[in-house]
Amino acid sequence: YNYRLSRARRIIENTFGILAARWRIFRRPMIAEPDRVICYTKAAIALHNYLRTTQSSVYCPPGFIDGEDGAGNIIEGDWRTDGDSGVGFQPTRQVGSNRHSLAAADV
């Protein structure tokens, strides 16, 4: 019983870990109406399932999710150590000046 419960918990952790690693909206508490949060979650899960079936090697490369070795020991996936995994939005630098606000102040 404990093994099955532990395995179910690990699968759920993997799924949510992948969602949080791939979809930034799950990294912080959502500030939205509960009905909207349910819609966002369902949309992310649908996209997750679609990408897992069509783009699995890109969306979840080998070693990204947890696994087990031959003795039943857990091998932690990369999603646990690298929240962004090099995909999605990257930090940007300032591209121009903010002088437009000074020009607007003159008007």
Protein backbone atom coordinates (compact mmCIF):
# COMPACT_ATOMS: atom_id res chain seq x y z
CA TYR A 1 0.00 0.00 0.00
CA ASN A 2 2.73 2.49 0.99
CA TYR A 3 4.66 1.88 -2.24
CA ARG A 4 1.60 2.57 -4.38
CA LEU A 5 0.74 5.67 -2.39
CA SER A 6 4.32 6.91 -2.68
CA ARG A 7 4.37 6.23 -6.41
CA ALA A 8 1.08 8.11 -6.93
CA ARG A 9 2.44 11.06 -4.96
CA ARG A 10 5.63 11.05 -7.07
CA ILE A 11 3.65 11.04 -10.30
CA ILE A 12 1.59 14.01 -9.14
CA GLU A 13 4.76 15.85 -8.02
CA ASN A 14 6.34 15.16 -11.41
CA THR A 15 3.33 16.45 -13.27
CA PHE A 16 3.05 19.64 -11.25
CA GLY A 17 6.83 20.10 -11.33
CA ILE A 18 6.82 19.90 -15.12
CA LEU A 19 3.89 22.32 -15.29
CA ALA A 20 5.64 24.80 -12.99
CA ALA A 21 8.93 24.43 -14.88
CA ARG A 22 7.29 24.95 -18.27
CA TRP A 23 4.46 27.37 -17.46
CA ARG A 24 5.48 30.38 -15.38
CA ILE A 25 1.97 31.03 -14.18
CA PHE A 26 2.32 28.16 -11.68
CA ARG A 27 5.47 29.49 -10.02
CA ARG A 28 3.65 32.01 -7.84
CA PRO A 29 0.18 32.33 -6.35
CA MET A 30 -2.29 33.38 -9.03
CA ILE A 31 -4.11 36.63 -8.53
CA ALA A 32 -7.34 35.86 -10.35
CA GLU A 33 -10.89 34.79 -9.77
CA PRO A 34 -11.18 31.12 -8.79
CA ASP A 35 -13.14 30.34 -11.97
CA ARG A 36 -10.33 31.83 -14.06
CA VAL A 37 -7.69 29.87 -12.15
CA ILE A 38 -9.58 26.67 -12.92
CA CYS A 39 -9.67 27.61 -16.62
CA TYR A 40 -5.94 28.45 -16.66
CA THR A 41 -5.12 25.15 -14.97
CA LYS A 42 -7.27 23.11 -17.34
CA ALA A 43 -5.74 24.86 -20.36
CA ALA A 44 -2.20 24.22 -19.09
CA ILE A 45 -3.00 20.56 -18.43
CA ALA A 46 -4.50 20.16 -21.91
CA LEU A 47 -1.40 21.76 -23.45
CA HIS A 48 0.83 19.62 -21.23
CA ASN A 49 -0.90 16.42 -22.37
CA TYR A 50 -0.77 17.49 -26.02
CA LEU A 51 2.94 18.35 -25.86
CA ARG A 52 3.75 15.13 -24.00
CA THR A 53 2.17 13.10 -26.81
CA THR A 54 3.39 15.11 -29.81
CA GLN A 55 6.67 16.76 -28.72
CA SER A 56 7.76 14.58 -25.81
CA SER A 57 11.50 14.62 -26.55
CA VAL A 58 11.54 18.43 -26.62
CA TYR A 59 8.96 19.16 -23.91
CA CYS A 60 10.29 16.54 -21.46
CA PRO A 61 13.79 15.50 -22.54
CA PRO A 62 15.37 12.38 -21.04
CA GLY A 63 16.22 12.90 -17.37
CA PHE A 64 13.76 15.77 -16.96
CA ILE A 65 11.26 13.77 -14.91
CA ASP A 66 11.90 11.56 -11.88
CA GLY A 67 12.67 7.91 -12.42
CA GLU A 68 13.73 4.76 -10.61
CA ASP A 69 16.84 2.65 -10.87
CA GLY A 70 16.75 -1.15 -10.84
CA ALA A 71 16.71 -1.27 -7.02
CA GLY A 72 13.67 1.02 -6.75
CA ASN A 73 15.65 4.10 -5.66
CA ILE A 74 14.35 7.44 -6.88
CA ILE A 75 16.45 9.36 -9.38
CA GLU A 76 15.40 13.00 -9.21
CA GLY A 77 14.59 14.73 -12.48
CA ASP A 78 16.11 17.94 -13.80
CA TRP A 79 12.88 19.87 -13.19
CA ARG A 80 13.67 19.80 -9.46
CA THR A 81 16.97 21.65 -9.86
CA ASP A 82 16.35 23.89 -12.85
CA GLY A 83 13.04 25.72 -12.74
CA ASP A 84 13.42 27.42 -16.11
CA SER A 85 15.34 24.73 -18.02
CA GLY A 86 16.51 27.26 -20.59
CA VAL A 87 13.13 27.50 -22.29
CA GLY A 88 10.41 30.06 -22.20
CA PHE A 89 11.06 33.72 -21.56
CA GLN A 90 14.62 34.80 -20.97
CA PRO A 91 15.72 37.90 -19.03
CA THR A 92 16.10 40.90 -21.30
CA ARG A 93 18.26 43.94 -21.07
CA GLN A 94 17.12 47.49 -21.63
CA VAL A 95 16.69 48.02 -25.35
CA GLY A 96 16.34 51.75 -25.46
CA SER A 97 16.16 54.76 -23.26
CA ASN A 98 13.17 55.92 -21.29
CA ARG A 99 13.26 59.39 -22.76
CA HIS A 100 9.75 59.01 -24.14
CA SER A 101 8.43 59.69 -20.64
CA LEU A 102 10.36 62.97 -20.52
CA ALA A 103 8.90 64.01 -23.86
CA ALA A 104 5.41 63.16 -22.60
CA ALA A 105 5.96 65.32 -19.50
CA ASP A 106 6.61 68.34 -21.74
CA VAL A 107 3.24 67.94 -23.47
